[in-house]
């Protein structure tokens, strides 16, 4: 275990805000859904890369509670695409030893898509090589409010057990792509002491080299958790 204030070993618990699909599509003269499809391919490759570099938990921000306000055709296209991806990619993820968990509110999600999510979670439940948490219909404030509504006391540990996925560890490193430098309502409770890395690459252009650059940057930092260095 690394002492507080010392340089870190490589992060094994990583979260990613996958931002920039729309801008990538616009830059290439393509419809926005093509940007999302290209982003899905990047996510697939990033999962493989995460396994290769020794990451044990990966959390990705796939669809926020605020994303419902996007144009109807984009939202409906995204819902259809998510269903297709769950069906097509789950068997391969299972073969890779990836355990899937969807994190967020199920209200507002179609029964068909909820069923696909349940199926993917059950199909991969026994895997231990990588835990993949997919934040879908997720908002950090919504998560805290939902937990607070059920909280009856007991302190921080008891409260954390009421979050959407209490088995998720707090991420050591949060990566955001597209050059934006904010959390956008992502893992507000869990990322209280996470290190942040902002990449200028749009999400569809993210690659293993950039993932490794983020991990290398993390390894140079000193995490103090509020203590004096």
Protein backbone atom coordinates (compact mmCIF):
# COMPACT_ATOMS: atom_id res chain seq x y z
CA UNK A 1 0.00 0.00 0.00
CA UNK A 2 1.30 3.43 -0.89
CA UNK A 3 1.79 5.94 1.93
CA UNK A 4 -0.26 9.13 1.74
CA UNK A 5 1.82 11.87 0.19
CA UNK A 6 4.09 9.45 -1.70
CA UNK A 7 4.10 8.89 -5.44
CA UNK A 8 1.50 6.37 -6.58
CA UNK A 9 1.73 3.04 -8.31
CA UNK A 10 -0.35 2.79 -11.46
CA UNK A 11 -4.08 3.32 -10.88
CA UNK A 12 -6.20 0.18 -10.92
CA UNK A 13 -9.56 1.93 -10.45
CA UNK A 14 -10.30 4.36 -13.27
CA UNK A 15 -13.38 6.30 -14.39
CA UNK A 16 -13.81 7.98 -17.76
CA UNK A 17 -16.10 10.78 -18.91
CA UNK A 18 -16.35 9.88 -22.60
CA UNK A 19 -16.89 13.32 -24.12
CA UNK A 20 -16.66 14.57 -27.69
CA UNK A 21 -18.66 12.18 -29.89
CA UNK A 22 -20.83 14.97 -31.29
CA UNK A 23 -17.91 17.26 -32.02
CA UNK A 24 -16.00 14.41 -33.65
CA UNK A 25 -18.97 13.74 -35.94
CA UNK A 26 -19.29 17.42 -36.81
CA UNK A 27 -15.56 17.66 -37.57
CA UNK A 28 -15.90 14.73 -39.97
CA UNK A 29 -19.14 15.91 -41.59
CA UNK A 30 -21.10 12.98 -40.18
CA UNK A 31 -24.44 12.65 -38.34
CA UNK A 32 -24.11 12.79 -34.55
CA UNK A 33 -25.12 9.13 -34.17
CA UNK A 34 -22.10 8.14 -36.26
CA UNK A 35 -19.99 9.90 -33.67
CA UNK A 36 -21.65 7.85 -30.94
CA UNK A 37 -21.06 4.65 -32.92
CA UNK A 38 -17.41 5.52 -33.34
CA UNK A 39 -17.29 6.29 -29.62
CA UNK A 40 -18.74 2.84 -28.88
CA UNK A 41 -15.88 1.26 -30.84
CA UNK A 42 -13.42 3.30 -28.81
CA UNK A 43 -15.03 2.12 -25.59
CA UNK A 44 -14.75 -1.50 -26.72
CA UNK A 45 -11.05 -1.07 -27.42
CA UNK A 46 -10.52 0.85 -24.17
CA UNK A 47 -11.95 -2.06 -22.18
CA UNK A 48 -9.40 -4.35 -23.84
CA UNK A 49 -6.63 -1.85 -23.15
CA UNK A 50 -7.74 -1.51 -19.53
CA UNK A 51 -7.43 -5.26 -19.05
CA UNK A 52 -4.01 -5.23 -20.72
CA UNK A 53 -2.58 -2.50 -18.46
CA UNK A 54 -3.91 -4.02 -15.24
CA UNK A 55 -6.94 -1.86 -14.45
CA UNK A 56 -9.32 -3.78 -12.20
CA UNK A 57 -12.33 -1.43 -12.16
CA UNK A 58 -13.40 0.81 -15.03
CA UNK A 59 -16.41 3.12 -14.82
CA UNK A 60 -17.61 4.87 -17.99
CA UNK A 61 -20.16 7.68 -18.29
CA UNK A 62 -22.43 6.46 -21.06
CA UNK A 63 -25.68 8.44 -20.66
CA UNK A 64 -26.54 11.05 -18.04
CA UNK A 65 -29.88 12.02 -16.54
CA UNK A 66 -29.46 15.34 -18.40
CA UNK A 67 -28.93 13.67 -21.79
CA UNK A 68 -32.70 13.06 -22.12
CA UNK A 69 -32.98 16.74 -23.09
CA UNK A 70 -31.09 16.16 -26.34
CA UNK A 71 -33.03 16.00 -29.63
CA UNK A 72 -35.55 13.14 -29.73
CA UNK A 73 -33.97 11.48 -32.75
CA UNK A 74 -30.56 11.44 -31.06
CA UNK A 75 -31.97 9.98 -27.84
CA UNK A 76 -34.01 7.31 -29.62
CA UNK A 77 -31.01 6.43 -31.76
CA UNK A 78 -28.83 6.13 -28.67
CA UNK A 79 -31.33 3.85 -26.94
CA UNK A 80 -31.46 1.58 -29.98
CA UNK A 81 -27.68 1.58 -30.25
CA UNK A 82 -27.22 0.74 -26.56
CA UNK A 83 -29.51 -2.26 -26.94
CA UNK A 84 -27.65 -3.46 -30.01
CA UNK A 85 -24.29 -3.07 -28.29
CA UNK A 86 -25.36 -4.93 -25.16
CA UNK A 87 -26.58 -7.85 -27.26
CA UNK A 88 -23.54 -7.97 -29.54
CA UNK A 89 -20.75 -7.17 -27.10
CA UNK A 90 -21.72 -9.01 -23.92
CA UNK A 91 -20.57 -12.47 -25.12
CA UNK A 92 -17.12 -11.10 -25.99
CA UNK A 93 -16.87 -9.21 -22.71
CA UNK A 94 -17.78 -12.43 -20.92
CA UNK A 95 -14.97 -14.25 -22.74
CA UNK A 96 -12.55 -11.53 -21.65
CA UNK A 97 -13.51 -12.02 -18.01
CA UNK A 98 -15.31 -8.69 -17.71
CA UNK A 99 -18.14 -8.31 -15.20
CA UNK A 100 -20.73 -5.74 -16.26
CA UNK A 101 -22.78 -3.56 -13.95
CA UNK A 102 -25.13 -0.77 -15.02
CA UNK A 103 -25.24 2.13 -12.59
CA UNK A 104 -28.08 4.66 -12.56
CA UNK A 105 -31.82 5.06 -12.45
CA UNK A 106 -33.90 2.49 -14.32
CA UNK A 107 -36.95 4.77 -14.43
CA UNK A 108 -37.54 6.07 -17.94
CA UNK A 109 -35.58 3.25 -19.54
CA UNK A 110 -37.68 0.94 -21.71
CA UNK A 111 -38.55 -2.49 -20.33
CA UNK A 112 -36.77 -4.08 -23.28
CA UNK A 113 -33.52 -2.24 -22.58
CA UNK A 114 -33.82 -2.92 -18.85
CA UNK A 115 -34.14 -6.61 -19.69
CA UNK A 116 -31.02 -6.49 -21.83
CA UNK A 117 -29.12 -4.79 -19.02
CA UNK A 118 -30.29 -7.42 -16.52
CA UNK A 119 -29.25 -10.18 -18.94
CA UNK A 120 -25.76 -8.73 -19.43
CA UNK A 121 -25.24 -8.37 -15.68
CA UNK A 122 -26.35 -11.96 -15.03
CA UNK A 123 -24.32 -13.38 -17.91
CA UNK A 124 -21.08 -11.82 -16.66
CA UNK A 125 -21.69 -11.96 -12.91
CA UNK A 126 -19.01 -14.56 -12.21
CA UNK A 127 -16.17 -12.76 -13.97
CA UNK A 128 -13.31 -11.23 -11.99
CA UNK A 129 -10.70 -9.92 -14.43
CA UNK A 130 -12.26 -6.46 -14.81
CA UNK A 131 -15.36 -4.86 -13.30
CA UNK A 132 -16.97 -2.60 -15.90
CA UNK A 133 -19.46 -0.14 -14.43
CA UNK A 134 -21.56 1.58 -17.10
CA UNK A 135 -23.13 4.79 -15.78
CA UNK A 136 -26.39 4.86 -17.72
CA UNK A 137 -29.26 7.26 -16.97
CA UNK A 138 -26.89 8.38 -14.26
CA UNK A 139 -26.44 11.65 -12.38
CA UNK A 140 -24.26 12.20 -9.35
CA UNK A 141 -26.78 14.48 -7.64
CA UNK A 142 -29.62 12.05 -8.38
CA UNK A 143 -27.58 9.23 -6.85
CA UNK A 144 -26.96 11.22 -3.67
CA UNK A 145 -30.60 12.28 -3.43
CA UNK A 146 -31.82 8.71 -3.92
CA UNK A 147 -29.44 7.48 -1.22
CA UNK A 148 -30.41 10.30 1.14
CA UNK A 149 -34.09 9.40 0.81
CA UNK A 150 -33.29 5.97 2.31
CA UNK A 151 -30.63 7.04 4.78
CA UNK A 152 -31.47 6.48 8.44
CA UNK A 153 -28.14 7.37 9.98
CA UNK A 154 -24.95 5.49 10.63
CA UNK A 155 -22.30 7.69 9.08
CA UNK A 156 -20.42 7.79 5.81
CA UNK A 157 -19.98 4.03 5.41
CA UNK A 158 -23.68 3.36 5.95
CA UNK A 159 -24.57 6.10 3.46
CA UNK A 160 -22.20 4.74 0.81
CA UNK A 161 -23.97 1.39 0.99
CA UNK A 162 -27.12 3.13 -0.29
CA UNK A 163 -25.48 4.37 -3.49
CA UNK A 164 -26.40 2.74 -6.80
CA UNK A 165 -23.45 0.39 -6.77
CA UNK A 166 -21.97 0.03 -3.28
CA UNK A 167 -19.51 -2.58 -4.55
CA UNK A 168 -17.84 0.07 -6.73
CA UNK A 169 -14.58 1.34 -5.28
CA UNK A 170 -13.86 5.06 -5.34
CA UNK A 171 -11.89 5.75 -8.54
CA UNK A 172 -8.27 6.67 -8.06
CA UNK A 173 -8.24 8.47 -11.41
CA UNK A 174 -10.96 10.22 -13.40
CA UNK A 175 -10.20 10.90 -17.07
CA UNK A 176 -12.20 13.33 -19.18
CA UNK A 177 -11.75 13.70 -22.91
CA UNK A 178 -12.45 16.56 -25.37
CA UNK A 179 -10.53 19.26 -23.50
CA UNK A 180 -13.38 20.12 -21.12
CA UNK A 181 -12.35 20.41 -17.47
CA UNK A 182 -15.33 19.58 -15.28
CA UNK A 183 -17.01 16.52 -13.77
CA UNK A 184 -20.47 17.14 -15.28
CA UNK A 185 -22.37 15.51 -12.42
CA UNK A 186 -20.31 12.30 -12.58
CA UNK A 187 -19.49 10.28 -9.44
CA UNK A 188 -19.71 13.30 -7.17
CA UNK A 189 -19.58 11.22 -3.99
CA UNK A 190 -17.01 8.67 -5.17
CA UNK A 191 -14.57 11.12 -6.79
CA UNK A 192 -14.10 13.32 -3.70
CA UNK A 193 -10.37 12.51 -3.62
CA UNK A 194 -9.82 11.20 -7.15
CA UNK A 195 -7.03 12.55 -9.28
CA UNK A 196 -8.27 14.24 -12.47
CA UNK A 197 -6.74 14.00 -15.94
CA UNK A 198 -8.06 16.09 -18.83
CA UNK A 199 -7.30 14.93 -22.35
CA UNK A 200 -7.62 17.17 -25.41
CA UNK A 201 -8.58 14.19 -27.56
CA UNK A 202 -12.22 13.79 -28.55
CA UNK A 203 -13.50 10.47 -27.25
CA UNK A 204 -13.54 8.64 -30.61
CA UNK A 205 -9.82 9.47 -30.96
CA UNK A 206 -8.90 8.21 -27.47
CA UNK A 207 -6.43 5.34 -27.57
CA UNK A 208 -4.15 3.17 -25.49
CA UNK A 209 -1.30 5.67 -25.71
CA UNK A 210 -3.49 8.36 -24.12
CA UNK A 211 -4.73 5.93 -21.47
CA UNK A 212 -1.15 5.08 -20.59
CA UNK A 213 -0.24 8.78 -20.53
CA UNK A 214 -3.02 9.36 -17.98
CA UNK A 215 -1.80 6.47 -15.86
CA UNK A 216 1.78 7.72 -16.02
CA UNK A 217 0.66 11.21 -14.98
CA UNK A 218 -1.28 9.70 -12.08
CA UNK A 219 1.79 7.81 -10.91
CA UNK A 220 3.71 11.09 -10.48
CA UNK A 221 1.13 12.64 -8.16
CA UNK A 222 0.93 12.56 -4.39
CA UNK A 223 -2.49 11.76 -2.94
CA UNK A 224 -2.89 13.28 0.50
CA UNK A 225 -6.63 12.85 1.19
CA UNK A 226 -6.73 16.17 2.99
CA UNK A 227 -3.53 15.60 4.99
CA UNK A 228 -0.57 17.95 4.84
CA UNK A 229 2.29 16.70 2.66
